[in-house]
């Protein structure tokens, strides 16, 4: 059950990121209409990309290999999406698409890194505050070396 719940979460996150990226491309290309089939293709492939992202939960694979595998699979799925939606007529890649895809991939990684880093800082700050409160409860009259030094400097 734990794995199914995790897979559903990854699929939903993939659909969210995929939908946002697809909206950006629609805006960039000036597309005015989309068919139900094209939207369904985006939802399906975005969910697949979310499932592919579960590779980052595997602890036995080195991080650099996870990134390489993820990049290649996501690139392949996006190429397939372009073929399904009629953006390209062959599955063969192009330099333009590779560069554009790589830039978007890096931007998404940057956003995720900033978000993760912010969450870690918040958790560490809360842990420091909790540790400080617990330390003061255990030793209420205890003065740390830095507090003794500050009191001497103020004299």
Protein backbone atom coordinates (compact mmCIF):
# COMPACT_ATOMS: atom_id res chain seq x y z
CA UNK A 1 0.00 0.00 0.00
CA UNK A 2 2.92 2.32 0.81
CA UNK A 3 4.32 1.90 -2.71
CA UNK A 4 0.96 2.55 -4.37
CA UNK A 5 0.48 5.73 -2.35
CA UNK A 6 4.00 6.85 -3.25
CA UNK A 7 3.41 6.10 -6.93
CA UNK A 8 0.17 8.10 -6.94
CA UNK A 9 1.94 11.07 -5.33
CA UNK A 10 4.76 10.91 -7.91
CA UNK A 11 2.21 10.67 -10.75
CA UNK A 12 0.30 13.72 -9.47
CA UNK A 13 3.49 15.76 -9.07
CA UNK A 14 4.52 14.71 -12.60
CA UNK A 15 1.15 15.80 -13.97
CA UNK A 16 1.55 19.17 -12.23
CA UNK A 17 5.02 19.84 -13.61
CA UNK A 18 4.12 18.45 -17.03
CA UNK A 19 1.00 20.58 -17.24
CA UNK A 20 2.92 23.73 -16.35
CA UNK A 21 5.65 22.99 -18.90
CA UNK A 22 3.07 22.21 -21.58
CA UNK A 23 1.22 25.46 -20.86
CA UNK A 24 4.51 27.32 -21.24
CA UNK A 25 5.14 25.69 -24.62
CA UNK A 26 1.60 26.46 -25.77
CA UNK A 27 2.07 30.09 -24.80
CA UNK A 28 5.51 30.21 -26.42
CA UNK A 29 4.32 28.69 -29.70
CA UNK A 30 1.15 30.79 -29.83
CA UNK A 31 -1.15 27.76 -30.06
CA UNK A 32 -4.80 28.71 -29.88
CA UNK A 33 -6.52 25.32 -29.63
CA UNK A 34 -5.76 21.87 -28.28
CA UNK A 35 -7.62 18.64 -28.80
CA UNK A 36 -8.79 16.42 -25.97
CA UNK A 37 -6.38 13.76 -27.26
CA UNK A 38 -3.41 16.15 -27.00
CA UNK A 39 -4.33 17.09 -23.43
CA UNK A 40 -4.79 13.41 -22.53
CA UNK A 41 -1.36 12.66 -24.04
CA UNK A 42 0.21 15.35 -21.86
CA UNK A 43 -1.48 14.04 -18.72
CA UNK A 44 -0.46 10.44 -19.49
CA UNK A 45 3.18 11.21 -20.32
CA UNK A 46 3.49 13.62 -17.39
CA UNK A 47 2.28 10.86 -15.08
CA UNK A 48 4.89 8.53 -16.62
CA UNK A 49 7.58 11.12 -15.95
CA UNK A 50 6.37 11.28 -12.36
CA UNK A 51 6.76 7.50 -12.09
CA UNK A 52 10.25 7.71 -13.61
CA UNK A 53 11.10 10.21 -10.86
CA UNK A 54 10.65 7.44 -8.31
CA UNK A 55 14.21 6.44 -9.22
CA UNK A 56 15.37 9.12 -6.78
CA UNK A 57 13.87 7.10 -3.93
CA UNK A 58 16.23 4.18 -4.68
CA UNK A 59 19.15 4.42 -2.28
CA UNK A 60 21.47 1.86 -3.92
CA UNK A 61 22.04 3.86 -7.12
CA UNK A 62 24.57 6.75 -7.01
CA UNK A 63 22.98 10.18 -7.48
CA UNK A 64 24.82 10.98 -10.72
CA UNK A 65 23.45 7.79 -12.31
CA UNK A 66 19.96 8.61 -11.07
CA UNK A 67 20.16 12.00 -12.78
CA UNK A 68 21.53 10.54 -16.02
CA UNK A 69 18.90 7.78 -16.14
CA UNK A 70 16.11 10.22 -15.25
CA UNK A 71 17.25 12.74 -17.87
CA UNK A 72 17.41 10.10 -20.63
CA UNK A 73 14.02 8.58 -19.77
CA UNK A 74 12.30 11.96 -19.44
CA UNK A 75 13.86 13.12 -22.70
CA UNK A 76 12.59 9.95 -24.42
CA UNK A 77 9.09 10.38 -22.98
CA UNK A 78 9.02 14.02 -24.11
CA UNK A 79 10.17 13.03 -27.59
CA UNK A 80 7.36 10.46 -27.66
CA UNK A 81 4.88 13.15 -26.53
CA UNK A 82 6.02 15.41 -29.37
CA UNK A 83 5.41 12.54 -31.78
CA UNK A 84 1.97 11.77 -30.30
CA UNK A 85 0.87 15.41 -30.42
CA UNK A 86 2.10 15.93 -33.98
CA UNK A 87 4.86 18.38 -33.07
CA UNK A 88 7.41 16.18 -34.84
CA UNK A 89 6.95 13.50 -37.47
CA UNK A 90 9.78 11.23 -36.31
CA UNK A 91 11.15 10.10 -32.97
CA UNK A 92 14.63 11.33 -33.97
CA UNK A 93 15.99 14.07 -31.74
CA UNK A 94 17.21 17.49 -32.83
CA UNK A 95 19.82 19.81 -31.35
CA UNK A 96 17.23 22.54 -30.84
CA UNK A 97 14.96 20.27 -28.82
CA UNK A 98 17.89 18.85 -26.85
CA UNK A 99 19.12 22.32 -25.86
CA UNK A 100 15.63 23.57 -25.01
CA UNK A 101 14.83 20.41 -23.05
CA UNK A 102 18.13 20.57 -21.14
CA UNK A 103 17.55 24.20 -20.15
CA UNK A 104 14.04 23.45 -18.90
CA UNK A 105 15.33 20.36 -17.08
CA UNK A 106 17.97 22.50 -15.33
CA UNK A 107 15.43 25.19 -14.40
CA UNK A 108 13.15 22.57 -12.83
CA UNK A 109 16.12 21.12 -10.92
CA UNK A 110 17.04 24.62 -9.72
CA UNK A 111 13.50 25.24 -8.45
CA UNK A 112 13.46 21.87 -6.68
CA UNK A 113 16.91 22.52 -5.18
CA UNK A 114 15.91 25.94 -3.85
CA UNK A 115 12.69 24.52 -2.41
CA UNK A 116 14.52 21.59 -0.79
CA UNK A 117 17.26 23.84 0.58
CA UNK A 118 14.66 26.21 2.07
CA UNK A 119 12.82 23.31 3.74
CA UNK A 120 16.07 21.92 5.19
CA UNK A 121 16.99 25.34 6.62
CA UNK A 122 13.56 25.63 8.25
CA UNK A 123 13.83 22.15 9.75
CA UNK A 124 17.35 22.84 11.04
CA UNK A 125 16.23 26.14 12.56
CA UNK A 126 13.33 24.45 14.35
CA UNK A 127 15.63 21.68 15.59
CA UNK A 128 18.11 24.27 16.91
CA UNK A 129 15.33 26.08 18.76
CA UNK A 130 14.01 22.84 20.19
CA UNK A 131 17.51 21.76 21.22
CA UNK A 132 18.11 25.11 22.89
CA UNK A 133 14.80 24.90 24.80
CA UNK A 134 15.49 21.31 25.89
CA UNK A 135 19.04 22.22 26.94
CA UNK A 136 17.76 25.14 29.05
CA UNK A 137 15.18 22.87 30.69
CA UNK A 138 17.85 20.34 31.62
CA UNK A 139 20.39 22.84 32.91
CA UNK A 140 18.54 26.08 33.73
CA UNK A 141 21.46 27.94 35.33
CA UNK A 142 24.12 26.70 32.93
CA UNK A 143 26.07 29.35 31.07
CA UNK A 144 27.79 28.48 27.82
CA UNK A 145 31.36 29.53 27.04
CA UNK A 146 30.15 32.11 24.51
CA UNK A 147 27.78 33.70 27.04
CA UNK A 148 30.59 33.91 29.62
CA UNK A 149 32.91 35.49 27.03
CA UNK A 150 30.23 38.02 26.02
CA UNK A 151 29.67 39.03 29.64
CA UNK A 152 33.43 39.57 30.13
CA UNK A 153 33.66 41.63 26.93
CA UNK A 154 30.85 43.90 28.05
CA UNK A 155 32.77 44.82 31.23
